[in-house]
Amino acid sequence: MGVVEFIGKTILVESIRSSIKELKKLNLTGITQERREKLSDALTSIQLASIKTRNFIDNNGYEPNMDLAELWNVALQKSINAELEDLPDYLHSKSKFWGKPQDWLNEPTSMELVPKLNYINDQCDMLLIELKK
């Protein structure tokens, strides 16, 4: 693993933490079925994008991938529909990242805007547990 790839993976794991904290703030008791469905839809979309992104990184590194950009845009749309507060900003950056990742990797300050995969997966798992209640 090269230094850039290691740094990129580290950055992809860390910056989403601040956005996912918003998920913890959601009060899931007493929410409507419609809201529950929107949250569930957003989380499954985010999880799919995360899984496909991890597989792509493991097999191809940080090459441009418009399919991933589209998956993150779908996750963005669904997170907006679910009224998740800060998460859409990060998902928007994630989509833009996959359009031209080397531009982002070459600019460390830009990478602070790109969400991290491991943390988002953990938070999605936690929210799923809450949705099952």
N, C-alpha and C. Protein backbone atom coordinates (compact mmCIF):
# COMPACT_ATOMS: atom_id res chain seq x y z
N MET A 1 0.85 -1.17 0.00
CA MET A 1 0.00 0.00 0.00
C MET A 1 0.90 1.23 0.00
N GLY A 2 0.64 2.13 -0.95
CA GLY A 2 1.42 3.35 -1.05
C GLY A 2 1.00 4.36 0.00
N VAL A 3 1.85 5.36 0.18
CA VAL A 3 1.58 6.39 1.17
C VAL A 3 0.29 7.15 0.83
N VAL A 4 0.10 7.50 -0.43
CA VAL A 4 -1.10 8.23 -0.83
C VAL A 4 -2.34 7.39 -0.57
N GLU A 5 -2.25 6.08 -0.89
CA GLU A 5 -3.39 5.20 -0.67
C GLU A 5 -3.69 5.08 0.82
N PHE A 6 -2.64 4.95 1.64
CA PHE A 6 -2.83 4.87 3.09
C PHE A 6 -3.47 6.15 3.63
N ILE A 7 -2.94 7.29 3.18
CA ILE A 7 -3.49 8.57 3.63
C ILE A 7 -4.94 8.70 3.17
N GLY A 8 -5.20 8.33 1.93
CA GLY A 8 -6.56 8.40 1.41
C GLY A 8 -7.52 7.54 2.20
N LYS A 9 -7.09 6.30 2.52
CA LYS A 9 -7.94 5.40 3.30
C LYS A 9 -8.17 5.96 4.71
N THR A 10 -7.12 6.51 5.30
CA THR A 10 -7.26 7.10 6.62
C THR A 10 -8.24 8.27 6.58
N ILE A 11 -8.11 9.10 5.60
CA ILE A 11 -9.00 10.25 5.47
C ILE A 11 -10.42 9.78 5.20
N LEU A 12 -10.57 8.74 4.38
CA LEU A 12 -11.91 8.22 4.07
C LEU A 12 -12.58 7.63 5.30
N VAL A 13 -11.81 7.28 6.31
CA VAL A 13 -12.38 6.68 7.52
C VAL A 13 -12.72 7.73 8.56
N GLU A 14 -12.07 8.85 8.58
CA GLU A 14 -12.18 9.79 9.69
C GLU A 14 -13.18 10.93 9.55
N SER A 15 -13.28 11.60 8.44
CA SER A 15 -14.04 12.86 8.41
C SER A 15 -15.55 12.69 8.49
N ILE A 16 -16.08 11.53 8.18
CA ILE A 16 -17.53 11.34 8.26
C ILE A 16 -18.02 11.33 9.70
N ARG A 17 -17.13 11.12 10.65
CA ARG A 17 -17.53 11.03 12.05
C ARG A 17 -18.36 12.22 12.50
N SER A 18 -17.97 13.39 12.10
CA SER A 18 -18.73 14.56 12.55
C SER A 18 -20.14 14.58 11.97
N SER A 19 -20.29 14.14 10.73
CA SER A 19 -21.63 14.14 10.15
C SER A 19 -22.52 13.06 10.73
N ILE A 20 -21.96 11.93 11.04
CA ILE A 20 -22.75 10.82 11.56
C ILE A 20 -23.22 11.09 12.98
N LYS A 21 -22.54 11.95 13.70
CA LYS A 21 -23.00 12.30 15.04
C LYS A 21 -24.44 12.80 15.00
N GLU A 22 -24.81 13.40 13.88
CA GLU A 22 -26.18 13.89 13.73
C GLU A 22 -27.18 12.73 13.75
N LEU A 23 -26.77 11.58 13.23
CA LEU A 23 -27.67 10.43 13.25
C LEU A 23 -28.02 10.02 14.67
N LYS A 24 -27.07 10.15 15.56
CA LYS A 24 -27.31 9.79 16.95
C LYS A 24 -28.32 10.72 17.61
N LYS A 25 -28.44 11.91 17.09
CA LYS A 25 -29.34 12.89 17.68
C LYS A 25 -30.80 12.62 17.33
N LEU A 26 -31.02 11.75 16.34
CA LEU A 26 -32.39 11.47 15.93
C LEU A 26 -33.14 10.77 17.05
N ASN A 27 -34.32 11.23 17.31
CA ASN A 27 -35.19 10.58 18.29
C ASN A 27 -36.11 9.65 17.51
N LEU A 28 -35.81 8.34 17.56
CA LEU A 28 -36.54 7.40 16.74
C LEU A 28 -37.81 6.87 17.40
N THR A 29 -38.00 7.17 18.67
CA THR A 29 -39.22 6.72 19.31
C THR A 29 -40.35 7.62 18.87
N GLY A 30 -41.45 7.01 18.51
CA GLY A 30 -42.61 7.78 18.12
C GLY A 30 -42.53 8.39 16.74
N ILE A 31 -41.61 7.96 15.89
CA ILE A 31 -41.58 8.51 14.53
C ILE A 31 -42.62 7.80 13.69
N THR A 32 -43.05 8.46 12.65
CA THR A 32 -44.06 7.89 11.77
C THR A 32 -43.44 6.78 10.93
N GLN A 33 -44.30 5.93 10.40
CA GLN A 33 -43.84 4.85 9.53
C GLN A 33 -43.19 5.43 8.27
N GLU A 34 -43.74 6.53 7.77
CA GLU A 34 -43.16 7.17 6.59
C GLU A 34 -41.73 7.65 6.87
N ARG A 35 -41.54 8.27 8.02
CA ARG A 35 -40.19 8.75 8.40
C ARG A 35 -39.25 7.57 8.58
N ARG A 36 -39.72 6.51 9.23
CA ARG A 36 -38.91 5.31 9.43
C ARG A 36 -38.48 4.74 8.08
N GLU A 37 -39.39 4.71 7.12
CA GLU A 37 -39.07 4.18 5.80
C GLU A 37 -38.05 5.05 5.07
N LYS A 38 -38.18 6.37 5.21
CA LYS A 38 -37.21 7.26 4.57
C LYS A 38 -35.83 7.09 5.19
N LEU A 39 -35.77 6.96 6.51
CA LEU A 39 -34.48 6.74 7.17
C LEU A 39 -33.87 5.41 6.74
N SER A 40 -34.70 4.39 6.70
CA SER A 40 -34.24 3.07 6.28
C SER A 40 -33.73 3.10 4.84
N ASP A 41 -34.46 3.77 3.97
CA ASP A 41 -34.07 3.89 2.57
C ASP A 41 -32.73 4.63 2.44
N ALA A 42 -32.58 5.69 3.19
CA ALA A 42 -31.32 6.44 3.16
C ALA A 42 -30.17 5.57 3.65
N LEU A 43 -30.38 4.87 4.74
CA LEU A 43 -29.30 4.07 5.31
C LEU A 43 -28.90 2.91 4.41
N THR A 44 -29.86 2.25 3.78
CA THR A 44 -29.49 1.16 2.88
C THR A 44 -28.77 1.67 1.65
N SER A 45 -29.15 2.84 1.19
CA SER A 45 -28.47 3.44 0.04
C SER A 45 -27.03 3.83 0.40
N ILE A 46 -26.85 4.41 1.57
CA ILE A 46 -25.52 4.79 2.03
C ILE A 46 -24.65 3.54 2.21
N GLN A 47 -25.24 2.50 2.79
CA GLN A 47 -24.50 1.26 3.03
C GLN A 47 -24.07 0.62 1.71
N LEU A 48 -24.95 0.59 0.71
CA LEU A 48 -24.60 0.04 -0.59
C LEU A 48 -23.45 0.82 -1.23
N ALA A 49 -23.55 2.13 -1.19
CA ALA A 49 -22.47 2.96 -1.74
C ALA A 49 -21.16 2.71 -1.01
N SER A 50 -21.23 2.55 0.28
CA SER A 50 -20.03 2.30 1.09
C SER A 50 -19.39 0.95 0.74
N ILE A 51 -20.21 -0.09 0.63
CA ILE A 51 -19.69 -1.42 0.31
C ILE A 51 -19.04 -1.43 -1.08
N LYS A 52 -19.72 -0.85 -2.04
CA LYS A 52 -19.17 -0.83 -3.40
C LYS A 52 -17.90 0.02 -3.46
N THR A 53 -17.87 1.09 -2.69
CA THR A 53 -16.67 1.93 -2.64
C THR A 53 -15.50 1.18 -2.04
N ARG A 54 -15.71 0.48 -0.94
CA ARG A 54 -14.64 -0.29 -0.31
C ARG A 54 -14.11 -1.35 -1.27
N ASN A 55 -15.00 -2.06 -1.95
CA ASN A 55 -14.56 -3.08 -2.91
C ASN A 55 -13.75 -2.45 -4.04
N PHE A 56 -14.19 -1.31 -4.51
CA PHE A 56 -13.48 -0.65 -5.59
C PHE A 56 -12.09 -0.20 -5.14
N ILE A 57 -12.01 0.41 -3.97
CA ILE A 57 -10.71 0.86 -3.46
C ILE A 57 -9.76 -0.32 -3.29
N ASP A 58 -10.26 -1.41 -2.72
CA ASP A 58 -9.43 -2.59 -2.50
C ASP A 58 -8.90 -3.18 -3.81
N ASN A 59 -9.69 -3.09 -4.87
CA ASN A 59 -9.30 -3.69 -6.14
C ASN A 59 -8.64 -2.72 -7.11
N ASN A 60 -8.95 -1.44 -7.01
CA ASN A 60 -8.50 -0.49 -8.03
C ASN A 60 -7.84 0.76 -7.48
N GLY A 61 -7.85 0.94 -6.18
CA GLY A 61 -7.28 2.15 -5.61
C GLY A 61 -8.20 3.34 -5.81
N TYR A 62 -7.62 4.46 -6.14
CA TYR A 62 -8.36 5.71 -6.25
C TYR A 62 -8.40 6.21 -7.69
N GLU A 63 -9.02 5.43 -8.53
CA GLU A 63 -9.25 5.81 -9.92
C GLU A 63 -10.65 6.44 -10.02
N PRO A 64 -10.85 7.35 -10.95
CA PRO A 64 -12.19 7.92 -11.12
C PRO A 64 -13.22 6.82 -11.37
N ASN A 65 -14.41 6.98 -10.82
CA ASN A 65 -15.45 5.97 -11.00
C ASN A 65 -16.81 6.67 -10.95
N MET A 66 -17.40 6.84 -12.11
CA MET A 66 -18.68 7.54 -12.19
C MET A 66 -19.83 6.72 -11.60
N ASP A 67 -19.70 5.39 -11.60
CA ASP A 67 -20.73 4.57 -10.96
C ASP A 67 -20.78 4.84 -9.46
N LEU A 68 -19.61 4.97 -8.84
CA LEU A 68 -19.57 5.30 -7.41
C LEU A 68 -20.11 6.71 -7.16
N ALA A 69 -19.73 7.63 -8.04
CA ALA A 69 -20.25 9.00 -7.89
C ALA A 69 -21.77 8.99 -7.94
N GLU A 70 -22.33 8.18 -8.84
CA GLU A 70 -23.79 8.11 -8.93
C GLU A 70 -24.40 7.46 -7.69
N LEU A 71 -23.78 6.40 -7.17
CA LEU A 71 -24.29 5.76 -5.95
C LEU A 71 -24.31 6.75 -4.78
N TRP A 72 -23.25 7.54 -4.66
CA TRP A 72 -23.20 8.52 -3.57
C TRP A 72 -24.22 9.64 -3.79
N ASN A 73 -24.51 9.97 -5.05
CA ASN A 73 -25.56 10.96 -5.32
C ASN A 73 -26.94 10.43 -4.95
N VAL A 74 -27.18 9.14 -5.19
CA VAL A 74 -28.44 8.53 -4.78
C VAL A 74 -28.55 8.56 -3.26
N ALA A 75 -27.46 8.22 -2.59
CA ALA A 75 -27.44 8.27 -1.12
C ALA A 75 -27.68 9.69 -0.63
N LEU A 76 -27.12 10.65 -1.33
CA LEU A 76 -27.34 12.06 -1.00
C LEU A 76 -28.82 12.41 -1.11
N GLN A 77 -29.44 12.06 -2.22
CA GLN A 77 -30.85 12.36 -2.42
C GLN A 77 -31.71 11.72 -1.34
N LYS A 78 -31.42 10.48 -1.00
CA LYS A 78 -32.23 9.78 0.00
C LYS A 78 -31.99 10.33 1.40
N SER A 79 -30.78 10.80 1.67
CA SER A 79 -30.52 11.40 2.98
C SER A 79 -31.23 12.74 3.11
N ILE A 80 -31.34 13.46 2.00
CA ILE A 80 -32.11 14.72 2.01
C ILE A 80 -33.59 14.41 2.23
N ASN A 81 -34.10 13.40 1.53
CA ASN A 81 -35.51 13.00 1.70
C ASN A 81 -35.79 12.57 3.14
N ALA A 82 -34.80 11.96 3.79
CA ALA A 82 -34.95 11.51 5.18
C ALA A 82 -34.69 12.64 6.17
N GLU A 83 -34.35 13.81 5.65
CA GLU A 83 -34.10 15.00 6.47
C GLU A 83 -32.95 14.80 7.46
N LEU A 84 -31.90 14.11 7.00
CA LEU A 84 -30.69 14.00 7.81
C LEU A 84 -29.94 15.31 7.67
N GLU A 85 -29.54 15.90 8.76
CA GLU A 85 -29.07 17.28 8.74
C GLU A 85 -27.73 17.50 8.04
N ASP A 86 -26.62 17.09 8.61
CA ASP A 86 -25.32 17.40 8.05
C ASP A 86 -24.83 16.38 7.03
N LEU A 87 -25.39 15.21 7.05
CA LEU A 87 -24.93 14.13 6.19
C LEU A 87 -24.97 14.47 4.70
N PRO A 88 -25.99 15.13 4.18
CA PRO A 88 -25.99 15.43 2.75
C PRO A 88 -24.76 16.19 2.26
N ASP A 89 -24.24 17.10 3.04
CA ASP A 89 -23.05 17.84 2.62
C ASP A 89 -21.87 16.90 2.39
N TYR A 90 -21.70 15.95 3.28
CA TYR A 90 -20.60 15.00 3.16
C TYR A 90 -20.82 14.04 1.99
N LEU A 91 -22.04 13.59 1.80
CA LEU A 91 -22.32 12.67 0.70
C LEU A 91 -22.13 13.37 -0.64
N HIS A 92 -22.46 14.63 -0.69
CA HIS A 92 -22.22 15.42 -1.91
C HIS A 92 -20.72 15.46 -2.22
N SER A 93 -19.91 15.67 -1.20
CA SER A 93 -18.45 15.68 -1.39
C SER A 93 -17.94 14.31 -1.80
N LYS A 94 -18.52 13.26 -1.24
CA LYS A 94 -18.11 11.91 -1.59
C LYS A 94 -18.35 11.66 -3.07
N SER A 95 -19.50 12.09 -3.57
CA SER A 95 -19.81 11.93 -4.98
C SER A 95 -18.81 12.71 -5.85
N LYS A 96 -18.56 13.95 -5.49
CA LYS A 96 -17.61 14.76 -6.25
C LYS A 96 -16.22 14.15 -6.22
N PHE A 97 -15.83 13.56 -5.08
CA PHE A 97 -14.51 12.93 -4.96
C PHE A 97 -14.32 11.88 -6.05
N TRP A 98 -15.31 11.01 -6.24
CA TRP A 98 -15.14 9.90 -7.18
C TRP A 98 -15.15 10.35 -8.63
N GLY A 99 -15.56 11.57 -8.90
CA GLY A 99 -15.46 12.10 -10.26
C GLY A 99 -14.01 12.31 -10.67
N LYS A 100 -13.19 12.74 -9.73
CA LYS A 100 -11.77 13.00 -10.01
C LYS A 100 -10.97 12.91 -8.70
N PRO A 101 -10.77 11.69 -8.19
CA PRO A 101 -10.17 11.52 -6.85
C PRO A 101 -8.77 12.10 -6.70
N GLN A 102 -7.97 12.06 -7.74
CA GLN A 102 -6.59 12.54 -7.60
C GLN A 102 -6.53 14.03 -7.28
N ASP A 103 -7.48 14.80 -7.79
CA ASP A 103 -7.52 16.23 -7.45
C ASP A 103 -7.73 16.40 -5.94
N TRP A 104 -8.60 15.58 -5.37
CA TRP A 104 -8.90 15.64 -3.94
C TRP A 104 -7.72 15.12 -3.13
N LEU A 105 -7.12 14.01 -3.57
CA LEU A 105 -6.01 13.42 -2.82
C LEU A 105 -4.80 14.35 -2.81
N ASN A 106 -4.64 15.14 -3.85
CA ASN A 106 -3.52 16.08 -3.92
C ASN A 106 -3.76 17.34 -3.10
N GLU A 107 -4.96 17.50 -2.57
CA GLU A 107 -5.30 18.68 -1.77
C GLU A 107 -5.84 18.21 -0.42
N PRO A 108 -4.95 18.01 0.58
CA PRO A 108 -5.36 17.45 1.87
C PRO A 108 -6.50 18.20 2.55
N THR A 109 -6.56 19.51 2.40
CA THR A 109 -7.65 20.25 3.06
C THR A 109 -9.00 19.89 2.45
N SER A 110 -9.04 19.58 1.17
CA SER A 110 -10.27 19.15 0.52
C SER A 110 -10.73 17.80 1.06
N MET A 111 -9.78 16.96 1.40
CA MET A 111 -10.11 15.61 1.87
C MET A 111 -10.87 15.63 3.20
N GLU A 112 -10.80 16.72 3.93
CA GLU A 112 -11.56 16.81 5.18
C GLU A 112 -13.06 16.79 4.91
N LEU A 113 -13.46 17.10 3.70
CA LEU A 113 -14.87 17.12 3.33
C LEU A 113 -15.41 15.75 2.90
N VAL A 114 -14.50 14.81 2.63
CA VAL A 114 -14.91 13.51 2.10
C VAL A 114 -15.21 12.55 3.26
N PRO A 115 -16.39 11.94 3.24
CA PRO A 115 -16.77 11.04 4.34
C PRO A 115 -15.93 9.78 4.40
N LYS A 116 -15.82 9.22 5.57
CA LYS A 116 -15.04 8.02 5.83
C LYS A 116 -15.96 6.80 5.89
N LEU A 117 -15.50 5.69 5.33
CA LEU A 117 -16.35 4.52 5.18
C LEU A 117 -16.58 3.73 6.46
N ASN A 118 -15.55 3.39 7.18
CA ASN A 118 -15.72 2.54 8.36
C ASN A 118 -16.64 3.18 9.39
N TYR A 119 -16.45 4.43 9.63
CA TYR A 119 -17.27 5.09 10.62
C TYR A 119 -18.73 5.17 10.18
N ILE A 120 -18.96 5.50 8.91
CA ILE A 120 -20.33 5.58 8.44
C ILE A 120 -21.00 4.22 8.52
N ASN A 121 -20.27 3.15 8.24
CA ASN A 121 -20.84 1.81 8.36
C ASN A 121 -21.23 1.51 9.80
N ASP A 122 -20.38 1.86 10.74
CA ASP A 122 -20.68 1.63 12.15
C ASP A 122 -21.92 2.41 12.58
N GLN A 123 -22.01 3.64 12.16
CA GLN A 123 -23.15 4.46 12.53
C GLN A 123 -24.45 3.97 11.88
N CYS A 124 -24.35 3.51 10.65
CA CYS A 124 -25.53 2.94 9.99
C CYS A 124 -25.99 1.69 10.73
N ASP A 125 -25.05 0.87 11.18
CA ASP A 125 -25.40 -0.31 11.96
C ASP A 125 -26.11 0.08 13.25
N MET A 126 -25.62 1.11 13.91
CA MET A 126 -26.24 1.56 15.16
C MET A 126 -27.64 2.10 14.92
N LEU A 127 -27.81 2.84 13.84
CA LEU A 127 -29.13 3.38 13.55
C LEU A 127 -30.10 2.27 13.14
N LEU A 128 -29.60 1.27 12.46
CA LEU A 128 -30.44 0.14 12.10
C LEU A 128 -30.97 -0.56 13.33
N ILE A 129 -30.14 -0.71 14.32
CA ILE A 129 -30.58 -1.32 15.59
C ILE A 129 -31.71 -0.48 16.19
N GLU A 130 -31.56 0.83 16.15
CA GLU A 130 -32.60 1.71 16.67
C GLU A 130 -33.88 1.60 15.85
N LEU A 131 -33.76 1.46 14.55
CA LEU A 131 -34.94 1.36 13.68
C LEU A 131 -35.71 0.07 13.93
N LYS A 132 -35.01 -0.95 14.41
CA LYS A 132 -35.67 -2.24 14.68
C LYS A 132 -36.51 -2.22 15.94
N LYS A 133 -36.29 -1.25 16.80
CA LYS A 133 -37.02 -1.18 18.08
C LYS A 133 -38.50 -0.95 17.86
